[in-house]
């Protein structure tokens, strides 16, 4: 005799309208929170599409991180394989303050940068502390 109910183990986000989603379809969490399985946060994608979405999200995270480390938009673009205009637009969309190339390094900043390099700080640390691009830092360091 077979039991009237069959136990099936399945991840919650793989169930749509009471039915288990086919194996060739993946569920993507729009807010990237895998614990948030609300229907409005889930979208069905093919395996290939899902991989592309996550690669794109990782690249966008890298853009913010690299720019925060003091690299210019041009340098970040080269590192992630994107045009510097794409990098700039993403940073603006994320609310990241853009360093203005017109703002030349003041004497006080030049001294601070030189002191940080003398302390043995890395380029990334000096860029984060001063908010300057690697280009500006290189100009100061080369003048030492």
N, C-alpha and C. Protein backbone atom coordinates (compact mmCIF):
# COMPACT_ATOMS: atom_id res chain seq x y z
N UNK A 1 0.83 -1.18 0.00
CA UNK A 1 0.00 0.00 0.00
C UNK A 1 0.89 1.26 0.00
N UNK A 2 0.60 2.19 -0.85
CA UNK A 2 1.37 3.42 -0.97
C UNK A 2 0.73 4.50 -0.11
N UNK A 3 1.59 5.28 0.54
CA UNK A 3 1.10 6.37 1.38
C UNK A 3 0.42 7.42 0.51
N UNK A 4 -0.61 8.09 1.05
CA UNK A 4 -1.32 9.09 0.24
C UNK A 4 -0.46 10.31 -0.07
N UNK A 5 0.55 10.55 0.72
CA UNK A 5 1.41 11.71 0.48
C UNK A 5 2.84 11.23 0.28
N UNK A 6 3.51 11.82 -0.66
CA UNK A 6 4.90 11.47 -0.91
C UNK A 6 5.77 12.62 -0.45
N UNK A 7 6.83 12.30 0.27
CA UNK A 7 7.74 13.33 0.77
C UNK A 7 8.74 13.66 -0.34
N UNK A 8 8.84 14.92 -0.67
CA UNK A 8 9.80 15.37 -1.68
C UNK A 8 10.61 16.50 -1.06
N UNK A 9 11.92 16.36 -1.10
CA UNK A 9 12.78 17.41 -0.57
C UNK A 9 13.20 18.33 -1.70
N UNK A 10 13.00 19.62 -1.50
CA UNK A 10 13.30 20.59 -2.55
C UNK A 10 13.59 21.93 -1.90
N UNK A 11 14.52 22.68 -2.47
CA UNK A 11 14.76 24.03 -1.98
C UNK A 11 13.52 24.88 -2.19
N UNK A 12 13.19 25.68 -1.21
CA UNK A 12 11.98 26.50 -1.25
C UNK A 12 11.90 27.36 -2.50
N UNK A 13 13.03 27.96 -2.92
CA UNK A 13 12.99 28.87 -4.06
C UNK A 13 12.80 28.15 -5.40
N UNK A 14 12.87 26.82 -5.41
CA UNK A 14 12.67 26.08 -6.66
C UNK A 14 11.21 25.72 -6.89
N UNK A 15 10.34 26.11 -5.96
CA UNK A 15 8.91 25.83 -6.10
C UNK A 15 8.21 27.10 -6.58
N UNK A 16 7.49 26.98 -7.69
CA UNK A 16 6.75 28.11 -8.25
C UNK A 16 5.30 27.65 -8.41
N UNK A 17 4.38 28.40 -7.84
CA UNK A 17 2.96 28.07 -7.91
C UNK A 17 2.70 26.62 -7.49
N UNK A 18 3.40 26.16 -6.45
CA UNK A 18 3.19 24.82 -5.92
C UNK A 18 3.84 23.71 -6.71
N UNK A 19 4.57 24.03 -7.79
CA UNK A 19 5.22 23.01 -8.61
C UNK A 19 6.73 23.23 -8.59
N UNK A 20 7.48 22.15 -8.61
CA UNK A 20 8.94 22.23 -8.62
C UNK A 20 9.40 22.66 -10.02
N UNK A 21 10.31 23.63 -10.06
CA UNK A 21 10.84 24.14 -11.33
C UNK A 21 11.75 23.07 -11.95
N UNK A 22 11.70 22.95 -13.27
CA UNK A 22 12.54 21.96 -13.98
C UNK A 22 14.02 22.20 -13.70
N UNK A 23 14.80 21.14 -13.76
CA UNK A 23 16.24 21.20 -13.47
C UNK A 23 17.01 22.15 -14.39
N UNK A 24 16.59 22.27 -15.64
CA UNK A 24 17.33 23.13 -16.57
C UNK A 24 17.03 24.62 -16.36
N UNK A 25 16.12 24.91 -15.44
CA UNK A 25 15.79 26.31 -15.10
C UNK A 25 16.32 26.60 -13.71
N UNK A 26 16.96 27.75 -13.57
CA UNK A 26 17.47 28.15 -12.26
C UNK A 26 16.70 29.37 -11.78
N UNK A 27 16.64 29.55 -10.47
CA UNK A 27 15.95 30.68 -9.88
C UNK A 27 17.00 31.67 -9.38
N UNK A 28 16.89 32.90 -9.84
CA UNK A 28 17.84 33.96 -9.45
C UNK A 28 17.17 34.87 -8.42
N UNK A 29 17.89 35.16 -7.34
CA UNK A 29 17.41 36.10 -6.32
C UNK A 29 17.83 37.50 -6.76
N UNK A 30 16.87 38.35 -7.07
CA UNK A 30 17.17 39.68 -7.59
C UNK A 30 17.99 40.53 -6.62
N UNK A 31 17.72 40.42 -5.33
CA UNK A 31 18.47 41.21 -4.36
C UNK A 31 19.71 40.49 -3.83
N UNK A 32 20.03 39.35 -4.42
CA UNK A 32 21.21 38.53 -4.10
C UNK A 32 21.19 37.97 -2.68
N UNK A 33 20.03 37.99 -2.04
CA UNK A 33 19.87 37.42 -0.70
C UNK A 33 19.19 36.06 -0.86
N UNK A 34 19.95 34.98 -0.72
CA UNK A 34 19.43 33.65 -0.98
C UNK A 34 18.38 33.21 0.04
N UNK A 35 18.26 33.92 1.14
CA UNK A 35 17.25 33.59 2.13
C UNK A 35 15.91 34.27 1.81
N UNK A 36 15.90 35.21 0.89
CA UNK A 36 14.69 35.95 0.54
C UNK A 36 14.00 35.26 -0.65
N UNK A 37 13.04 34.41 -0.34
CA UNK A 37 12.38 33.61 -1.38
C UNK A 37 10.99 34.13 -1.74
N UNK A 38 10.76 35.42 -1.55
CA UNK A 38 9.49 36.00 -1.97
C UNK A 38 9.38 35.90 -3.49
N UNK A 39 8.20 35.62 -4.01
CA UNK A 39 8.04 35.48 -5.47
C UNK A 39 8.54 36.69 -6.26
N UNK A 40 8.33 37.90 -5.74
CA UNK A 40 8.78 39.10 -6.46
C UNK A 40 10.30 39.25 -6.47
N UNK A 41 11.00 38.46 -5.65
CA UNK A 41 12.47 38.53 -5.62
C UNK A 41 13.10 37.43 -6.47
N UNK A 42 12.28 36.56 -7.07
CA UNK A 42 12.80 35.43 -7.83
C UNK A 42 12.47 35.55 -9.30
N UNK A 43 13.40 35.18 -10.15
CA UNK A 43 13.18 35.16 -11.58
C UNK A 43 13.78 33.86 -12.13
N UNK A 44 13.09 33.25 -13.09
CA UNK A 44 13.58 32.00 -13.70
C UNK A 44 14.53 32.34 -14.85
N UNK A 45 15.67 31.68 -14.86
CA UNK A 45 16.68 31.88 -15.90
C UNK A 45 17.25 30.53 -16.32
N UNK A 46 17.77 30.48 -17.54
CA UNK A 46 18.50 29.27 -17.95
C UNK A 46 19.83 29.26 -17.19
N UNK A 47 20.47 28.12 -17.18
CA UNK A 47 21.77 27.99 -16.50
C UNK A 47 22.75 29.02 -17.06
N UNK A 48 22.79 29.17 -18.37
CA UNK A 48 23.69 30.11 -19.03
C UNK A 48 23.36 31.56 -18.65
N UNK A 49 22.09 31.92 -18.68
CA UNK A 49 21.69 33.28 -18.32
C UNK A 49 22.04 33.59 -16.86
N UNK A 50 21.81 32.60 -15.98
CA UNK A 50 22.10 32.80 -14.57
C UNK A 50 23.60 33.05 -14.34
N UNK A 51 24.43 32.30 -15.04
CA UNK A 51 25.89 32.49 -14.92
C UNK A 51 26.28 33.88 -15.40
N UNK A 52 25.68 34.35 -16.50
CA UNK A 52 25.99 35.69 -17.02
C UNK A 52 25.58 36.77 -16.03
N UNK A 53 24.42 36.62 -15.40
CA UNK A 53 23.96 37.61 -14.42
C UNK A 53 24.95 37.71 -13.26
N UNK A 54 25.38 36.58 -12.74
CA UNK A 54 26.29 36.61 -11.60
C UNK A 54 27.67 37.13 -12.00
N UNK A 55 28.11 36.82 -13.21
CA UNK A 55 29.39 37.37 -13.67
C UNK A 55 29.29 38.89 -13.76
N UNK A 56 28.17 39.39 -14.30
CA UNK A 56 27.96 40.83 -14.43
C UNK A 56 27.94 41.49 -13.04
N UNK A 57 27.25 40.87 -12.08
CA UNK A 57 27.18 41.43 -10.72
C UNK A 57 28.56 41.46 -10.08
N UNK A 58 29.34 40.40 -10.28
CA UNK A 58 30.69 40.36 -9.71
C UNK A 58 31.56 41.46 -10.32
N UNK A 59 31.43 41.69 -11.63
CA UNK A 59 32.19 42.75 -12.28
C UNK A 59 31.81 44.11 -11.70
N UNK A 60 30.53 44.34 -11.47
CA UNK A 60 30.10 45.62 -10.91
C UNK A 60 30.65 45.80 -9.50
N UNK A 61 30.66 44.74 -8.71
CA UNK A 61 31.26 44.82 -7.37
C UNK A 61 32.74 45.14 -7.46
N UNK A 62 33.43 44.52 -8.43
CA UNK A 62 34.86 44.78 -8.63
C UNK A 62 35.11 46.23 -9.00
N UNK A 63 34.22 46.82 -9.81
CA UNK A 63 34.38 48.22 -10.22
C UNK A 63 34.41 49.12 -9.00
N UNK A 64 33.44 48.95 -8.11
CA UNK A 64 33.36 49.79 -6.91
C UNK A 64 34.59 49.56 -6.02
N UNK A 65 34.97 48.29 -5.85
CA UNK A 65 36.11 47.97 -4.99
C UNK A 65 37.42 48.57 -5.54
N UNK A 66 37.66 48.37 -6.83
CA UNK A 66 38.91 48.86 -7.42
C UNK A 66 38.99 50.38 -7.41
N UNK A 67 37.86 51.05 -7.70
CA UNK A 67 37.85 52.51 -7.67
C UNK A 67 38.09 52.99 -6.23
N UNK A 68 37.50 52.29 -5.27
CA UNK A 68 37.71 52.63 -3.86
C UNK A 68 39.15 52.43 -3.41
N UNK A 69 39.87 51.56 -4.10
CA UNK A 69 41.28 51.34 -3.78
C UNK A 69 42.17 52.43 -4.36
N UNK A 70 41.57 53.35 -5.13
CA UNK A 70 42.34 54.48 -5.65
C UNK A 70 42.65 54.44 -7.13
N UNK A 71 42.20 53.42 -7.83
CA UNK A 71 42.44 53.35 -9.27
C UNK A 71 41.51 54.31 -10.01
N UNK A 72 41.97 54.83 -11.12
CA UNK A 72 41.16 55.73 -11.94
C UNK A 72 40.08 54.94 -12.68
N UNK A 73 39.09 55.64 -13.24
CA UNK A 73 38.05 54.95 -14.00
C UNK A 73 38.65 54.25 -15.22
N UNK A 74 39.66 54.85 -15.82
CA UNK A 74 40.32 54.24 -16.99
C UNK A 74 41.02 52.95 -16.57
N UNK A 75 41.76 53.01 -15.46
CA UNK A 75 42.48 51.82 -14.97
C UNK A 75 41.50 50.72 -14.58
N UNK A 76 40.41 51.09 -13.90
CA UNK A 76 39.41 50.10 -13.50
C UNK A 76 38.81 49.45 -14.74
N UNK A 77 38.49 50.26 -15.74
CA UNK A 77 37.93 49.74 -16.98
C UNK A 77 38.85 48.71 -17.62
N UNK A 78 40.14 49.01 -17.65
CA UNK A 78 41.11 48.05 -18.22
C UNK A 78 41.12 46.75 -17.42
N UNK A 79 41.04 46.87 -16.08
CA UNK A 79 41.13 45.69 -15.21
C UNK A 79 39.91 44.77 -15.35
N UNK A 80 38.74 45.35 -15.56
CA UNK A 80 37.51 44.52 -15.62
C UNK A 80 37.01 44.31 -17.04
N UNK A 81 37.73 44.86 -18.02
CA UNK A 81 37.36 44.66 -19.42
C UNK A 81 36.14 45.45 -19.85
N UNK A 82 35.99 46.65 -19.30
CA UNK A 82 34.86 47.52 -19.64
C UNK A 82 35.40 48.89 -20.03
N UNK A 83 34.61 49.63 -20.79
CA UNK A 83 34.96 51.00 -21.16
C UNK A 83 34.89 51.89 -19.93
N UNK A 84 35.78 52.90 -19.85
CA UNK A 84 35.79 53.76 -18.67
C UNK A 84 34.48 54.52 -18.49
N UNK A 85 33.74 54.77 -19.57
CA UNK A 85 32.44 55.44 -19.45
C UNK A 85 31.43 54.53 -18.73
N UNK A 86 31.51 53.22 -18.99
CA UNK A 86 30.65 52.26 -18.29
C UNK A 86 31.00 52.26 -16.81
N UNK A 87 32.29 52.29 -16.51
CA UNK A 87 32.75 52.32 -15.12
C UNK A 87 32.20 53.57 -14.44
N UNK A 88 32.36 54.72 -15.09
CA UNK A 88 31.89 55.99 -14.52
C UNK A 88 30.39 55.95 -14.24
N UNK A 89 29.60 55.49 -15.22
CA UNK A 89 28.14 55.44 -15.05
C UNK A 89 27.75 54.52 -13.90
N UNK A 90 28.43 53.39 -13.76
CA UNK A 90 28.11 52.47 -12.66
C UNK A 90 28.44 53.10 -11.31
N UNK A 91 29.58 53.76 -11.23
CA UNK A 91 29.96 54.40 -9.96
C UNK A 91 28.94 55.47 -9.57
N UNK A 92 28.53 56.28 -10.53
CA UNK A 92 27.53 57.32 -10.27
C UNK A 92 26.21 56.68 -9.82
N UNK A 93 25.80 55.62 -10.50
CA UNK A 93 24.55 54.93 -10.15
C UNK A 93 24.60 54.35 -8.73
N UNK A 94 25.79 53.96 -8.29
CA UNK A 94 25.96 53.40 -6.95
C UNK A 94 26.15 54.48 -5.89
N UNK A 95 26.21 55.74 -6.32
CA UNK A 95 26.38 56.84 -5.37
C UNK A 95 27.81 57.01 -4.88
N UNK A 96 28.77 56.47 -5.62
CA UNK A 96 30.18 56.59 -5.24
C UNK A 96 30.66 57.99 -5.63
N UNK A 97 31.25 58.75 -4.68
CA UNK A 97 31.76 60.08 -5.04
C UNK A 97 32.90 59.96 -6.05
N UNK A 98 32.79 60.70 -7.13
CA UNK A 98 33.79 60.64 -8.19
C UNK A 98 34.90 61.64 -7.89
N UNK A 99 36.13 61.15 -7.98
CA UNK A 99 37.29 62.04 -7.79
C UNK A 99 37.44 62.88 -9.04
N UNK A 100 37.58 64.16 -8.88
CA UNK A 100 37.66 65.08 -10.00
C UNK A 100 39.11 65.29 -10.39
N UNK A 101 39.42 65.05 -11.64
CA UNK A 101 40.79 65.20 -12.13
C UNK A 101 41.26 66.64 -12.03
N UNK A 102 40.30 67.58 -12.05
CA UNK A 102 40.65 69.00 -11.98
C UNK A 102 41.24 69.34 -10.61
N UNK A 103 40.82 68.60 -9.57
CA UNK A 103 41.33 68.86 -8.23
C UNK A 103 42.79 68.41 -8.13
N UNK A 104 43.68 69.32 -8.34
CA UNK A 104 45.10 69.01 -8.26
C UNK A 104 45.51 68.76 -6.82
N UNK A 105 46.57 68.01 -6.63
CA UNK A 105 47.05 67.68 -5.30
C UNK A 105 47.65 68.93 -4.67
N UNK A 106 47.15 69.27 -3.48
CA UNK A 106 47.66 70.44 -2.76
C UNK A 106 48.98 70.07 -2.09
N UNK A 107 49.70 71.08 -1.63
CA UNK A 107 50.97 70.83 -0.93
C UNK A 107 50.75 69.99 0.32
N UNK A 108 49.67 70.26 1.05
CA UNK A 108 49.38 69.50 2.27
C UNK A 108 49.09 68.03 1.92
N UNK A 109 48.32 67.81 0.85
CA UNK A 109 48.02 66.44 0.42
C UNK A 109 49.29 65.75 -0.07
N UNK A 110 50.12 66.48 -0.79
CA UNK A 110 51.38 65.92 -1.30
C UNK A 110 52.23 65.43 -0.13
N UNK A 111 52.29 66.22 0.94
CA UNK A 111 53.07 65.84 2.11
C UNK A 111 52.46 64.61 2.80
N UNK A 112 51.12 64.59 2.89
CA UNK A 112 50.44 63.44 3.49
C UNK A 112 50.71 62.17 2.68
N UNK A 113 50.62 62.26 1.37
CA UNK A 113 50.87 61.10 0.50
C UNK A 113 52.31 60.62 0.66
N UNK A 114 53.23 61.55 0.65
CA UNK A 114 54.65 61.20 0.80
C UNK A 114 54.88 60.50 2.14
N UNK A 115 54.26 61.02 3.20
CA UNK A 115 54.43 60.43 4.54
C UNK A 115 53.85 59.01 4.58
N UNK A 116 52.70 58.82 3.95
CA UNK A 116 52.08 57.48 3.93
C UNK A 116 52.97 56.48 3.19
N UNK A 117 53.56 56.91 2.08
CA UNK A 117 54.47 56.02 1.35
C UNK A 117 55.73 55.73 2.17
N UNK A 118 56.23 56.75 2.87
CA UNK A 118 57.42 56.53 3.73
C UNK A 118 57.11 55.54 4.85
N UNK A 119 55.86 55.52 5.31
CA UNK A 119 55.45 54.57 6.35
C UNK A 119 55.34 53.15 5.82
N UNK A 120 55.43 53.01 4.49
CA UNK A 120 55.36 51.69 3.89
C UNK A 120 53.94 51.26 3.53
N UNK A 121 53.02 52.20 3.48
CA UNK A 121 51.63 51.88 3.11
C UNK A 121 51.56 51.47 1.64
N UNK A 122 50.60 50.61 1.33
CA UNK A 122 50.42 50.16 -0.05
C UNK A 122 49.73 51.25 -0.86
N UNK A 123 49.78 51.10 -2.19
CA UNK A 123 49.12 52.05 -3.09
C UNK A 123 47.63 52.10 -2.77
N UNK A 124 47.03 50.91 -2.55
CA UNK A 124 45.60 50.84 -2.28
C UNK A 124 45.25 51.59 -0.99
N UNK A 125 46.07 51.40 0.05
CA UNK A 125 45.82 52.09 1.32
C UNK A 125 45.93 53.60 1.16
N UNK A 126 46.97 54.05 0.47
CA UNK A 126 47.17 55.48 0.28
C UNK A 126 46.01 56.06 -0.54
N UNK A 127 45.56 55.33 -1.55
CA UNK A 127 44.43 55.78 -2.35
C UNK A 127 43.16 55.90 -1.54
N UNK A 128 42.90 54.90 -0.67
CA UNK A 128 41.71 54.93 0.19
C UNK A 128 41.77 56.08 1.17
N UNK A 129 42.92 56.27 1.80
CA UNK A 129 43.06 57.31 2.82
C UNK A 129 42.93 58.70 2.23
N UNK A 130 43.55 58.91 1.08
CA UNK A 130 43.58 60.25 0.49
C UNK A 130 42.47 60.51 -0.51
N UNK A 131 41.82 59.44 -1.00
CA UNK A 131 40.78 59.61 -2.01
C UNK A 131 41.34 59.98 -3.37
N UNK A 132 42.61 59.70 -3.60
CA UNK A 132 43.28 60.05 -4.86
C UNK A 132 43.45 58.83 -5.74
N UNK A 133 43.47 59.07 -7.04
CA UNK A 133 43.66 57.99 -8.01
C UNK A 133 45.12 57.55 -8.01
N UNK A 134 45.36 56.38 -8.58
CA UNK A 134 46.73 55.88 -8.67
C UNK A 134 47.58 56.81 -9.54
N UNK A 135 46.95 57.48 -10.51
CA UNK A 135 47.66 58.43 -11.36
C UNK A 135 48.21 59.59 -10.53
N UNK A 136 47.35 60.17 -9.68
CA UNK A 136 47.80 61.27 -8.82
C UNK A 136 48.88 60.81 -7.85
N UNK A 137 48.70 59.61 -7.30
CA UNK A 137 49.68 59.08 -6.36
C UNK A 137 51.02 58.87 -7.04
N UNK A 138 51.00 58.36 -8.27
CA UNK A 138 52.24 58.11 -8.99
C UNK A 138 52.98 59.41 -9.26
N UNK A 139 52.25 60.47 -9.60
CA UNK A 139 52.89 61.76 -9.84
C UNK A 139 53.60 62.25 -8.58
N UNK A 140 52.97 62.09 -7.44
CA UNK A 140 53.59 62.52 -6.17
C UNK A 140 54.78 61.64 -5.84
N UNK A 141 54.60 60.32 -5.97
CA UNK A 141 55.68 59.39 -5.60
C UNK A 141 56.89 59.57 -6.51
N UNK A 142 56.66 59.80 -7.80
CA UNK A 142 57.78 59.99 -8.73
C UNK A 142 58.54 61.29 -8.44
N UNK A 143 57.86 62.24 -7.84
CA UNK A 143 58.52 63.52 -7.51
C UNK A 143 59.33 63.42 -6.22
N UNK A 144 59.18 62.35 -5.46
CA UNK A 144 59.93 62.21 -4.19
C UNK A 144 61.40 61.97 -4.43
